[in-house]
Amino acid sequence: MARRARKRRDHAARSAPPRPGAAPPAGSPATNGRSGETVSGRSGDTARAAQTVSGREAMARGYARARERDEAARAALVPLAPGERPWPVALSAVLAAGFAVANVVLVLVGWDSDTSVAAPLIFAGVMLVAAAGMWRLKYWAVLGWEVLLGVTFIGALLSLLRASNAWGAILAVIVMALSGPLFYLLIRQMARIQMPSRR
């Protein structure tokens, strides 16, 4: 009987509302008397807010470092001297002229005569214009050549993934090895061509 009476008293004490100013029972979260908000909940919100602020600060620092690198790269650019022709641009002009001549020769010898000769001749004309523009250091010509190099690199990569024999894979690797580095080298030269101090 005494044990049942103690259980009833314990149950009544737990279910009764806490008195004002009384300490919370052990194992229950401490609450704020005005809003009923738990202290643990407020500490969790504070931690999440601190993490958000630290993430924004880290992102801002990353952007600042990227801007510093860009400014340093721009400051390191040297304008083209009068008559200077960087070798990546000169090489690109020679390659474009070579492609034009090769297409004309293939048309003259009748290679793949089943197709129309208009497409190879148009391509040869475009390559001649690009070669002349790059030799004269025209920005639009270098930009168009860059687009062609990018398309060629992606096409070679896709051909490598679908290559059915060793010769196809080797040819794709050779094209990628030539077009990729030249594409990268021309980026800096395009920035130099665009510099106002060149004029």
N, C-alpha and C. Protein backbone atom coordinates (compact mmCIF):
# COMPACT_ATOMS: atom_id res chain seq x y z
N MET A 1 0.82 -1.20 0.00
CA MET A 1 0.00 0.00 0.00
C MET A 1 0.86 1.26 0.00
N ALA A 2 1.88 1.23 0.87
CA ALA A 2 2.77 2.41 0.94
C ALA A 2 3.44 2.65 -0.40
N ARG A 3 3.81 1.59 -1.14
CA ARG A 3 4.46 1.73 -2.44
C ARG A 3 3.50 2.35 -3.44
N ARG A 4 2.19 1.94 -3.41
CA ARG A 4 1.21 2.52 -4.32
C ARG A 4 0.99 3.99 -4.02
N ALA A 5 0.99 4.32 -2.73
CA ALA A 5 0.80 5.73 -2.36
C ALA A 5 1.95 6.58 -2.85
N ARG A 6 3.20 6.09 -2.76
CA ARG A 6 4.36 6.84 -3.25
C ARG A 6 4.28 7.02 -4.76
N LYS A 7 3.84 5.97 -5.51
CA LYS A 7 3.71 6.08 -6.96
C LYS A 7 2.70 7.14 -7.32
N ARG A 8 1.53 7.18 -6.55
CA ARG A 8 0.53 8.19 -6.87
C ARG A 8 1.07 9.59 -6.61
N ARG A 9 1.85 9.77 -5.51
CA ARG A 9 2.41 11.09 -5.22
C ARG A 9 3.42 11.50 -6.30
N ASP A 10 4.26 10.57 -6.74
CA ASP A 10 5.24 10.88 -7.80
C ASP A 10 4.54 11.25 -9.10
N HIS A 11 3.47 10.52 -9.43
CA HIS A 11 2.74 10.82 -10.67
C HIS A 11 2.09 12.20 -10.59
N ALA A 12 1.52 12.53 -9.43
CA ALA A 12 0.88 13.84 -9.26
C ALA A 12 1.91 14.94 -9.33
N ALA A 13 3.10 14.72 -8.77
CA ALA A 13 4.15 15.75 -8.79
C ALA A 13 4.64 15.99 -10.21
N ARG A 14 4.75 14.93 -11.02
CA ARG A 14 5.22 15.11 -12.40
C ARG A 14 4.18 15.80 -13.26
N SER A 15 2.90 15.49 -13.04
CA SER A 15 1.85 16.07 -13.89
C SER A 15 1.46 17.46 -13.46
N ALA A 16 1.78 17.88 -12.25
CA ALA A 16 1.41 19.22 -11.78
C ALA A 16 2.26 20.26 -12.48
N PRO A 17 1.70 21.44 -12.83
CA PRO A 17 2.50 22.51 -13.48
C PRO A 17 3.56 23.04 -12.54
N PRO A 18 4.71 23.43 -13.05
CA PRO A 18 5.78 23.92 -12.17
C PRO A 18 5.42 25.26 -11.58
N ARG A 19 5.85 25.46 -10.35
CA ARG A 19 5.61 26.73 -9.70
C ARG A 19 6.56 27.79 -10.22
N PRO A 20 6.09 29.06 -10.24
CA PRO A 20 6.99 30.14 -10.72
C PRO A 20 8.25 30.22 -9.88
N GLY A 21 9.40 30.29 -10.59
CA GLY A 21 10.68 30.38 -9.90
C GLY A 21 11.25 29.06 -9.49
N ALA A 22 10.50 27.99 -9.66
CA ALA A 22 11.00 26.69 -9.27
C ALA A 22 11.92 26.15 -10.34
N ALA A 23 12.93 25.39 -9.95
CA ALA A 23 13.89 24.81 -10.89
C ALA A 23 13.21 23.69 -11.65
N PRO A 24 13.48 23.52 -12.92
CA PRO A 24 12.87 22.43 -13.70
C PRO A 24 13.36 21.09 -13.21
N PRO A 25 12.53 20.07 -13.33
CA PRO A 25 12.97 18.73 -12.89
C PRO A 25 14.12 18.23 -13.73
N ALA A 26 14.86 17.30 -13.14
CA ALA A 26 16.04 16.75 -13.82
C ALA A 26 15.62 16.04 -15.10
N GLY A 27 16.41 16.25 -16.18
CA GLY A 27 16.13 15.60 -17.45
C GLY A 27 15.22 16.39 -18.37
N SER A 28 14.59 17.48 -17.88
CA SER A 28 13.72 18.29 -18.74
C SER A 28 14.49 19.51 -19.19
N PRO A 29 14.22 20.02 -20.45
CA PRO A 29 14.95 21.19 -20.95
C PRO A 29 14.55 22.44 -20.21
N ALA A 30 15.53 23.31 -19.96
CA ALA A 30 15.26 24.58 -19.31
C ALA A 30 14.51 25.48 -20.26
N THR A 31 13.48 26.20 -19.75
CA THR A 31 12.65 27.04 -20.60
C THR A 31 12.74 28.48 -20.18
N ASN A 32 12.40 29.36 -21.11
CA ASN A 32 12.31 30.79 -20.85
C ASN A 32 10.90 31.06 -20.36
N GLY A 33 10.76 31.72 -19.23
CA GLY A 33 9.46 31.94 -18.62
C GLY A 33 8.56 32.81 -19.46
N ARG A 34 9.09 33.76 -20.29
CA ARG A 34 8.26 34.67 -21.04
C ARG A 34 7.77 34.06 -22.35
N SER A 35 8.62 33.38 -23.12
CA SER A 35 8.24 32.89 -24.43
C SER A 35 8.10 31.38 -24.49
N GLY A 36 8.55 30.65 -23.47
CA GLY A 36 8.49 29.20 -23.51
C GLY A 36 9.52 28.59 -24.43
N GLU A 37 10.47 29.38 -24.89
CA GLU A 37 11.50 28.91 -25.82
C GLU A 37 12.59 28.21 -25.03
N THR A 38 13.01 27.08 -25.49
CA THR A 38 14.04 26.34 -24.78
C THR A 38 15.39 26.97 -25.01
N VAL A 39 16.25 26.87 -24.01
CA VAL A 39 17.61 27.40 -24.12
C VAL A 39 18.39 26.61 -25.16
N SER A 40 18.16 25.29 -25.22
CA SER A 40 18.86 24.48 -26.21
C SER A 40 18.46 24.89 -27.62
N GLY A 41 17.18 25.23 -27.84
CA GLY A 41 16.74 25.68 -29.16
C GLY A 41 17.41 26.98 -29.54
N ARG A 42 17.51 27.93 -28.59
CA ARG A 42 18.18 29.19 -28.90
C ARG A 42 19.66 28.99 -29.19
N SER A 43 20.30 28.10 -28.47
CA SER A 43 21.72 27.84 -28.74
C SER A 43 21.90 27.20 -30.11
N GLY A 44 20.93 26.32 -30.52
CA GLY A 44 21.03 25.74 -31.86
C GLY A 44 20.87 26.78 -32.94
N ASP A 45 19.91 27.72 -32.76
CA ASP A 45 19.75 28.80 -33.74
C ASP A 45 20.99 29.66 -33.82
N THR A 46 21.61 29.93 -32.69
CA THR A 46 22.84 30.73 -32.68
C THR A 46 23.96 30.03 -33.42
N ALA A 47 24.06 28.71 -33.22
CA ALA A 47 25.10 27.96 -33.92
C ALA A 47 24.87 27.96 -35.42
N ARG A 48 23.60 27.80 -35.84
CA ARG A 48 23.31 27.82 -37.28
C ARG A 48 23.58 29.19 -37.88
N ALA A 49 23.23 30.24 -37.15
CA ALA A 49 23.52 31.59 -37.64
C ALA A 49 25.01 31.82 -37.77
N ALA A 50 25.79 31.32 -36.79
CA ALA A 50 27.24 31.47 -36.87
C ALA A 50 27.82 30.71 -38.05
N GLN A 51 27.28 29.51 -38.34
CA GLN A 51 27.75 28.75 -39.49
C GLN A 51 27.43 29.46 -40.79
N THR A 52 26.23 30.08 -40.87
CA THR A 52 25.86 30.83 -42.08
C THR A 52 26.79 32.00 -42.31
N VAL A 53 27.08 32.74 -41.23
CA VAL A 53 27.98 33.88 -41.34
C VAL A 53 29.38 33.45 -41.75
N SER A 54 29.87 32.35 -41.15
CA SER A 54 31.20 31.88 -41.51
C SER A 54 31.25 31.41 -42.96
N GLY A 55 30.16 30.76 -43.44
CA GLY A 55 30.12 30.35 -44.84
C GLY A 55 30.15 31.54 -45.78
N ARG A 56 29.42 32.60 -45.44
CA ARG A 56 29.43 33.79 -46.28
C ARG A 56 30.81 34.45 -46.27
N GLU A 57 31.44 34.48 -45.11
CA GLU A 57 32.78 35.07 -45.03
C GLU A 57 33.77 34.27 -45.87
N ALA A 58 33.68 32.94 -45.81
CA ALA A 58 34.58 32.11 -46.62
C ALA A 58 34.34 32.34 -48.10
N MET A 59 33.07 32.46 -48.51
CA MET A 59 32.77 32.73 -49.91
C MET A 59 33.31 34.10 -50.34
N ALA A 60 33.14 35.10 -49.46
CA ALA A 60 33.66 36.43 -49.78
C ALA A 60 35.18 36.41 -49.91
N ARG A 61 35.85 35.66 -49.03
CA ARG A 61 37.31 35.56 -49.13
C ARG A 61 37.72 34.87 -50.43
N GLY A 62 36.96 33.83 -50.84
CA GLY A 62 37.27 33.15 -52.10
C GLY A 62 37.12 34.07 -53.29
N TYR A 63 36.04 34.88 -53.29
CA TYR A 63 35.85 35.83 -54.39
C TYR A 63 36.97 36.88 -54.39
N ALA A 64 37.37 37.32 -53.20
CA ALA A 64 38.44 38.32 -53.12
C ALA A 64 39.76 37.76 -53.67
N ARG A 65 40.06 36.50 -53.33
CA ARG A 65 41.28 35.89 -53.85
C ARG A 65 41.22 35.74 -55.37
N ALA A 66 40.03 35.37 -55.88
CA ALA A 66 39.89 35.23 -57.34
C ALA A 66 40.08 36.58 -58.03
N ARG A 67 39.53 37.64 -57.44
CA ARG A 67 39.72 38.97 -58.03
C ARG A 67 41.18 39.38 -58.00
N GLU A 68 41.86 39.06 -56.91
CA GLU A 68 43.29 39.39 -56.82
C GLU A 68 44.09 38.65 -57.89
N ARG A 69 43.76 37.37 -58.12
CA ARG A 69 44.47 36.61 -59.17
C ARG A 69 44.19 37.20 -60.54
N ASP A 70 42.93 37.59 -60.79
CA ASP A 70 42.61 38.18 -62.09
C ASP A 70 43.34 39.50 -62.30
N GLU A 71 43.36 40.32 -61.25
CA GLU A 71 44.06 41.60 -61.37
C GLU A 71 45.56 41.40 -61.58
N ALA A 72 46.13 40.41 -60.89
CA ALA A 72 47.56 40.13 -61.08
C ALA A 72 47.84 39.63 -62.49
N ALA A 73 46.93 38.78 -63.02
CA ALA A 73 47.12 38.29 -64.39
C ALA A 73 47.01 39.43 -65.40
N ARG A 74 46.04 40.34 -65.18
CA ARG A 74 45.92 41.48 -66.10
C ARG A 74 47.12 42.40 -66.00
N ALA A 75 47.63 42.58 -64.78
CA ALA A 75 48.79 43.46 -64.62
C ALA A 75 50.04 42.87 -65.27
N ALA A 76 50.10 41.54 -65.36
CA ALA A 76 51.27 40.90 -65.96
C ALA A 76 51.24 40.90 -67.48
N LEU A 77 50.10 41.26 -68.08
CA LEU A 77 50.01 41.29 -69.53
C LEU A 77 50.87 42.42 -70.10
N VAL A 78 51.58 42.11 -71.15
CA VAL A 78 52.44 43.09 -71.82
C VAL A 78 51.82 43.41 -73.18
N PRO A 79 51.59 44.68 -73.50
CA PRO A 79 51.01 45.01 -74.81
C PRO A 79 51.93 44.55 -75.94
N LEU A 80 51.31 44.28 -77.07
CA LEU A 80 52.09 43.89 -78.24
C LEU A 80 52.90 45.07 -78.74
N ALA A 81 54.16 44.82 -78.99
CA ALA A 81 55.02 45.86 -79.55
C ALA A 81 54.69 46.05 -81.03
N PRO A 82 55.01 47.20 -81.58
CA PRO A 82 54.75 47.41 -83.02
C PRO A 82 55.46 46.35 -83.86
N GLY A 83 54.71 45.70 -84.70
CA GLY A 83 55.26 44.66 -85.55
C GLY A 83 55.40 43.30 -84.89
N GLU A 84 55.08 43.21 -83.59
CA GLU A 84 55.19 41.92 -82.90
C GLU A 84 54.04 41.02 -83.30
N ARG A 85 54.36 39.77 -83.53
CA ARG A 85 53.35 38.77 -83.87
C ARG A 85 53.64 37.52 -83.05
N PRO A 86 52.87 37.28 -81.98
CA PRO A 86 53.14 36.12 -81.11
C PRO A 86 53.10 34.82 -81.91
N TRP A 87 53.97 33.89 -81.53
CA TRP A 87 54.07 32.66 -82.30
C TRP A 87 52.80 31.82 -82.29
N PRO A 88 51.98 31.79 -81.20
CA PRO A 88 50.73 31.02 -81.32
C PRO A 88 49.78 31.58 -82.39
N VAL A 89 49.75 32.90 -82.51
CA VAL A 89 48.90 33.51 -83.53
C VAL A 89 49.46 33.25 -84.92
N ALA A 90 50.79 33.38 -85.07
CA ALA A 90 51.41 33.11 -86.37
C ALA A 90 51.23 31.64 -86.77
N LEU A 91 51.39 30.73 -85.81
CA LEU A 91 51.18 29.31 -86.11
C LEU A 91 49.75 29.04 -86.53
N SER A 92 48.80 29.69 -85.85
CA SER A 92 47.39 29.52 -86.20
C SER A 92 47.11 30.02 -87.61
N ALA A 93 47.71 31.15 -87.97
CA ALA A 93 47.52 31.68 -89.32
C ALA A 93 48.08 30.72 -90.37
N VAL A 94 49.24 30.16 -90.10
CA VAL A 94 49.84 29.20 -91.05
C VAL A 94 48.98 27.95 -91.17
N LEU A 95 48.46 27.46 -90.05
CA LEU A 95 47.61 26.27 -90.10
C LEU A 95 46.33 26.53 -90.88
N ALA A 96 45.71 27.69 -90.65
CA ALA A 96 44.49 28.02 -91.39
C ALA A 96 44.76 28.11 -92.89
N ALA A 97 45.86 28.74 -93.27
CA ALA A 97 46.22 28.81 -94.68
C ALA A 97 46.49 27.41 -95.25
N GLY A 98 47.14 26.58 -94.46
CA GLY A 98 47.40 25.21 -94.92
C GLY A 98 46.13 24.42 -95.13
N PHE A 99 45.15 24.57 -94.22
CA PHE A 99 43.87 23.89 -94.41
C PHE A 99 43.17 24.37 -95.68
N ALA A 100 43.25 25.69 -95.95
CA ALA A 100 42.63 26.21 -97.17
C ALA A 100 43.26 25.62 -98.42
N VAL A 101 44.59 25.62 -98.46
CA VAL A 101 45.29 25.08 -99.63
C VAL A 101 44.99 23.59 -99.79
N ALA A 102 44.97 22.86 -98.68
CA ALA A 102 44.72 21.42 -98.75
C ALA A 102 43.33 21.13 -99.31
N ASN A 103 42.33 21.91 -98.90
CA ASN A 103 40.98 21.69 -99.41
C ASN A 103 40.90 21.97 -100.90
N VAL A 104 41.58 23.02 -101.35
CA VAL A 104 41.57 23.34 -102.78
C VAL A 104 42.25 22.24 -103.58
N VAL A 105 43.37 21.73 -103.07
CA VAL A 105 44.10 20.66 -103.76
C VAL A 105 43.24 19.40 -103.83
N LEU A 106 42.55 19.08 -102.75
CA LEU A 106 41.70 17.89 -102.75
C LEU A 106 40.57 18.02 -103.77
N VAL A 107 40.04 19.22 -103.92
CA VAL A 107 38.99 19.42 -104.91
C VAL A 107 39.55 19.26 -106.32
N LEU A 108 40.76 19.79 -106.55
CA LEU A 108 41.36 19.74 -107.88
C LEU A 108 41.71 18.31 -108.30
N VAL A 109 42.15 17.51 -107.36
CA VAL A 109 42.53 16.14 -107.72
C VAL A 109 41.33 15.20 -107.76
N GLY A 110 40.15 15.73 -107.42
CA GLY A 110 38.95 14.93 -107.50
C GLY A 110 38.74 13.98 -106.36
N TRP A 111 39.32 14.25 -105.20
CA TRP A 111 39.12 13.37 -104.04
C TRP A 111 37.68 13.47 -103.56
N ASP A 112 37.03 12.34 -103.35
CA ASP A 112 35.64 12.28 -102.90
C ASP A 112 34.76 13.06 -103.87
N SER A 113 34.83 12.70 -105.12
CA SER A 113 34.11 13.42 -106.17
C SER A 113 32.61 13.19 -106.13
N ASP A 114 32.14 12.27 -105.30
CA ASP A 114 30.71 12.01 -105.22
C ASP A 114 29.96 13.15 -104.53
N THR A 115 30.66 13.94 -103.72
CA THR A 115 30.01 15.04 -103.01
C THR A 115 30.22 16.34 -103.76
N SER A 116 29.49 17.37 -103.35
CA SER A 116 29.59 18.67 -104.00
C SER A 116 30.92 19.33 -103.64
N VAL A 117 31.46 20.09 -104.59
CA VAL A 117 32.72 20.78 -104.35
C VAL A 117 32.50 22.13 -103.67
N ALA A 118 31.26 22.52 -103.48
CA ALA A 118 30.99 23.84 -102.90
C ALA A 118 31.43 23.91 -101.45
N ALA A 119 31.14 22.87 -100.67
CA ALA A 119 31.47 22.90 -99.24
C ALA A 119 32.98 23.00 -99.01
N PRO A 120 33.83 22.19 -99.66
CA PRO A 120 35.27 22.36 -99.46
C PRO A 120 35.79 23.73 -99.89
N LEU A 121 35.23 24.27 -100.97
CA LEU A 121 35.70 25.59 -101.43
C LEU A 121 35.26 26.70 -100.46
N ILE A 122 34.05 26.58 -99.93
CA ILE A 122 33.61 27.57 -98.94
C ILE A 122 34.48 27.50 -97.70
N PHE A 123 34.77 26.28 -97.24
CA PHE A 123 35.64 26.13 -96.07
C PHE A 123 37.03 26.70 -96.35
N ALA A 124 37.53 26.47 -97.55
CA ALA A 124 38.85 27.01 -97.91
C ALA A 124 38.83 28.54 -97.89
N GLY A 125 37.74 29.13 -98.39
CA GLY A 125 37.63 30.59 -98.35
C GLY A 125 37.60 31.13 -96.93
N VAL A 126 36.84 30.45 -96.06
CA VAL A 126 36.78 30.88 -94.66
C VAL A 126 38.15 30.79 -94.01
N MET A 127 38.88 29.72 -94.29
CA MET A 127 40.21 29.55 -93.71
C MET A 127 41.19 30.60 -94.22
N LEU A 128 41.06 30.98 -95.48
CA LEU A 128 41.94 32.03 -96.01
C LEU A 128 41.65 33.37 -95.33
N VAL A 129 40.37 33.68 -95.15
CA VAL A 129 40.02 34.93 -94.45
C VAL A 129 40.53 34.91 -93.01
N ALA A 130 40.36 33.77 -92.33
CA ALA A 130 40.84 33.65 -90.95
C ALA A 130 42.36 33.77 -90.88
N ALA A 131 43.05 33.17 -91.82
CA ALA A 131 44.51 33.24 -91.83
C ALA A 131 44.98 34.68 -92.03
N ALA A 132 44.36 35.39 -92.97
CA ALA A 132 44.74 36.79 -93.20
C ALA A 132 44.43 37.64 -91.98
N GLY A 133 43.27 37.40 -91.35
CA GLY A 133 42.93 38.18 -90.16
C GLY A 133 43.86 37.93 -89.01
N MET A 134 44.21 36.68 -88.77
CA MET A 134 45.13 36.38 -87.67
C MET A 134 46.53 36.92 -87.96
N TRP A 135 46.95 36.87 -89.20
CA TRP A 135 48.27 37.41 -89.52
C TRP A 135 48.33 38.91 -89.27
N ARG A 136 47.19 39.58 -89.43
CA ARG A 136 47.10 41.02 -89.17
C ARG A 136 46.68 41.31 -87.73
N LEU A 137 46.63 40.27 -86.90
CA LEU A 137 46.31 40.39 -85.47
C LEU A 137 44.92 40.99 -85.24
N LYS A 138 43.94 40.49 -85.98
CA LYS A 138 42.57 40.91 -85.78
C LYS A 138 41.92 40.03 -84.72
N TYR A 139 41.29 40.69 -83.76
CA TYR A 139 40.70 39.95 -82.64
C TYR A 139 39.61 39.00 -83.11
N TRP A 140 38.75 39.43 -84.03
CA TRP A 140 37.65 38.59 -84.48
C TRP A 140 38.15 37.31 -85.15
N ALA A 141 39.29 37.42 -85.85
CA ALA A 141 39.84 36.23 -86.52
C ALA A 141 40.36 35.22 -85.50
N VAL A 142 41.06 35.73 -84.48
CA VAL A 142 41.56 34.83 -83.44
C VAL A 142 40.40 34.20 -82.66
N LEU A 143 39.37 34.99 -82.41
CA LEU A 143 38.21 34.45 -81.69
C LEU A 143 37.52 33.35 -82.50
N GLY A 144 37.34 33.58 -83.80
CA GLY A 144 36.75 32.53 -84.64
C GLY A 144 37.60 31.27 -84.68
N TRP A 145 38.91 31.45 -84.74
CA TRP A 145 39.81 30.30 -84.73
C TRP A 145 39.72 29.55 -83.40
N GLU A 146 39.57 30.28 -82.31
CA GLU A 146 39.40 29.65 -81.00
C GLU A 146 38.13 28.80 -80.97
N VAL A 147 37.05 29.31 -81.54
CA VAL A 147 35.81 28.53 -81.59
C VAL A 147 36.03 27.24 -82.38
N LEU A 148 36.73 27.36 -83.50
CA LEU A 148 37.00 26.17 -84.32
C LEU A 148 37.87 25.17 -83.57
N LEU A 149 38.86 25.66 -82.84
CA LEU A 149 39.71 24.76 -82.06
C LEU A 149 38.91 24.05 -80.97
N GLY A 150 38.02 24.80 -80.30
CA GLY A 150 37.20 24.18 -79.26
C GLY A 150 36.28 23.10 -79.81
N VAL A 151 35.64 23.38 -80.95
CA VAL A 151 34.77 22.39 -81.57
C VAL A 151 35.58 21.17 -82.02
N THR A 152 36.78 21.42 -82.55
CA THR A 152 37.63 20.31 -82.99
C THR A 152 38.05 19.44 -81.82
N PHE A 153 38.40 20.07 -80.69
CA PHE A 153 38.81 19.31 -79.51
C PHE A 153 37.67 18.44 -79.00
N ILE A 154 36.47 19.02 -78.91
CA ILE A 154 35.32 18.25 -78.41
C ILE A 154 34.98 17.11 -79.38
N GLY A 155 35.05 17.38 -80.69
CA GLY A 155 34.79 16.32 -81.65
C GLY A 155 35.80 15.19 -81.55
N ALA A 156 37.08 15.55 -81.36
CA ALA A 156 38.10 14.50 -81.20
C ALA A 156 37.89 13.69 -79.93
N LEU A 157 37.45 14.38 -78.86
CA LEU A 157 37.19 13.67 -77.61
C LEU A 157 36.04 12.68 -77.78
N LEU A 158 34.99 13.10 -78.44
CA LEU A 158 33.87 12.18 -78.68
C LEU A 158 34.29 11.02 -79.59
N SER A 159 35.14 11.32 -80.57
CA SER A 159 35.63 10.24 -81.44
C SER A 159 36.48 9.25 -80.67
N LEU A 160 37.26 9.76 -79.71
CA LEU A 160 38.07 8.87 -78.89
C LEU A 160 37.20 7.95 -78.05
N LEU A 161 36.10 8.48 -77.52
CA LEU A 161 35.22 7.66 -76.70
C LEU A 161 34.52 6.59 -77.52
N ARG A 162 34.33 6.86 -78.81
CA ARG A 162 33.62 5.90 -79.66
C ARG A 162 34.54 5.18 -80.64
N ALA A 163 35.86 5.30 -80.44
CA ALA A 163 36.81 4.70 -81.39
C ALA A 163 36.67 3.18 -81.39
N SER A 164 36.63 2.63 -82.59
CA SER A 164 36.47 1.18 -82.73
C SER A 164 37.78 0.47 -83.04
N ASN A 165 38.85 1.23 -83.30
CA ASN A 165 40.14 0.61 -83.58
C ASN A 165 41.25 1.51 -83.05
N ALA A 166 42.46 0.99 -83.07
CA ALA A 166 43.60 1.72 -82.52
C ALA A 166 43.93 2.96 -83.34
N TRP A 167 43.80 2.88 -84.66
CA TRP A 167 44.13 4.02 -85.50
C TRP A 167 43.20 5.20 -85.23
N GLY A 168 41.93 4.92 -85.04
CA GLY A 168 40.99 5.99 -84.72
C GLY A 168 41.31 6.64 -83.39
N ALA A 169 41.68 5.84 -82.41
CA ALA A 169 42.03 6.39 -81.09
C ALA A 169 43.30 7.23 -81.17
N ILE A 170 44.30 6.76 -81.91
CA ILE A 170 45.56 7.50 -82.04
C ILE A 170 45.32 8.84 -82.75
N LEU A 171 44.52 8.82 -83.80
CA LEU A 171 44.23 10.06 -84.53
C LEU A 171 43.49 11.06 -83.65
N ALA A 172 42.55 10.59 -82.85
CA ALA A 172 41.82 11.48 -81.95
C ALA A 172 42.75 12.09 -80.91
N VAL A 173 43.66 11.29 -80.38
CA VAL A 173 44.61 11.81 -79.38
C VAL A 173 45.54 12.85 -80.01
N ILE A 174 45.97 12.63 -81.24
CA ILE A 174 46.84 13.60 -81.92
C ILE A 174 46.12 14.93 -82.13
N VAL A 175 44.87 14.86 -82.55
CA VAL A 175 44.10 16.09 -82.76
C VAL A 175 43.90 16.83 -81.44
N MET A 176 43.60 16.11 -80.38
CA MET A 176 43.43 16.75 -79.07
C MET A 176 44.74 17.35 -78.57
N ALA A 177 45.85 16.66 -78.81
CA ALA A 177 47.16 17.16 -78.36
C ALA A 177 47.57 18.43 -79.10
N LEU A 178 47.07 18.62 -80.31
CA LEU A 178 47.40 19.82 -81.07
C LEU A 178 46.44 20.97 -80.79
N SER A 179 45.16 20.67 -80.75
CA SER A 179 44.17 21.74 -80.61
C SER A 179 44.05 22.24 -79.17
N GLY A 180 44.19 21.37 -78.19
CA GLY A 180 44.03 21.79 -76.79
C GLY A 180 45.07 22.81 -76.34
N PRO A 181 46.37 22.51 -76.44
CA PRO A 181 47.38 23.49 -76.02
C PRO A 181 47.32 24.79 -76.82
N LEU A 182 47.06 24.71 -78.13
CA LEU A 182 46.98 25.93 -78.93
C LEU A 182 45.80 26.79 -78.50
N PHE A 183 44.69 26.16 -78.18
CA PHE A 183 43.53 26.90 -77.67
C PHE A 183 43.90 27.65 -76.39
N TYR A 184 44.60 26.98 -75.49
CA TYR A 184 44.99 27.61 -74.22
C TYR A 184 45.97 28.77 -74.44
N LEU A 185 46.94 28.57 -75.32
CA LEU A 185 47.95 29.60 -75.54
C LEU A 185 47.36 30.85 -76.19
N LEU A 186 46.34 30.68 -76.99
CA LEU A 186 45.75 31.83 -77.68
C LEU A 186 44.92 32.72 -76.76
N ILE A 187 44.49 32.20 -75.62
CA ILE A 187 43.68 33.02 -74.70
C ILE A 187 44.46 34.24 -74.23
N ARG A 188 45.71 34.06 -73.83
CA ARG A 188 46.53 35.17 -73.38
C ARG A 188 46.81 36.14 -74.52
N GLN A 189 47.03 35.61 -75.71
CA GLN A 189 47.32 36.49 -76.84
C GLN A 189 46.09 37.31 -77.24
N MET A 190 44.91 36.76 -77.07
CA MET A 190 43.70 37.53 -77.33
C MET A 190 43.58 38.70 -76.37
N ALA A 191 43.94 38.48 -75.11
CA ALA A 191 43.91 39.58 -74.15
C ALA A 191 44.93 40.66 -74.51
N ARG A 192 46.09 40.24 -74.98
CA ARG A 192 47.10 41.23 -75.39
C ARG A 192 46.65 42.01 -76.62
N ILE A 193 45.98 41.34 -77.56
CA ILE A 193 45.51 42.02 -78.76
C ILE A 193 44.46 43.08 -78.40
N GLN A 194 43.65 42.80 -77.38
CA GLN A 194 42.58 43.71 -76.99
C GLN A 194 43.06 44.88 -76.16
N MET A 195 44.30 44.88 -75.67
CA MET A 195 44.75 45.94 -74.78
C MET A 195 44.76 47.27 -75.51
N PRO A 196 44.18 48.35 -74.90
CA PRO A 196 44.12 49.64 -75.59
C PRO A 196 45.48 50.25 -75.86
N SER A 197 46.46 49.97 -74.98
CA SER A 197 47.77 50.59 -75.13
C SER A 197 48.48 50.12 -76.38
N ARG A 198 47.97 49.03 -76.99
CA ARG A 198 48.58 48.55 -78.23
C ARG A 198 48.44 49.62 -79.33
N ARG A 199 47.34 50.38 -79.29
CA ARG A 199 47.14 51.38 -80.31
C ARG A 199 47.83 52.70 -79.96
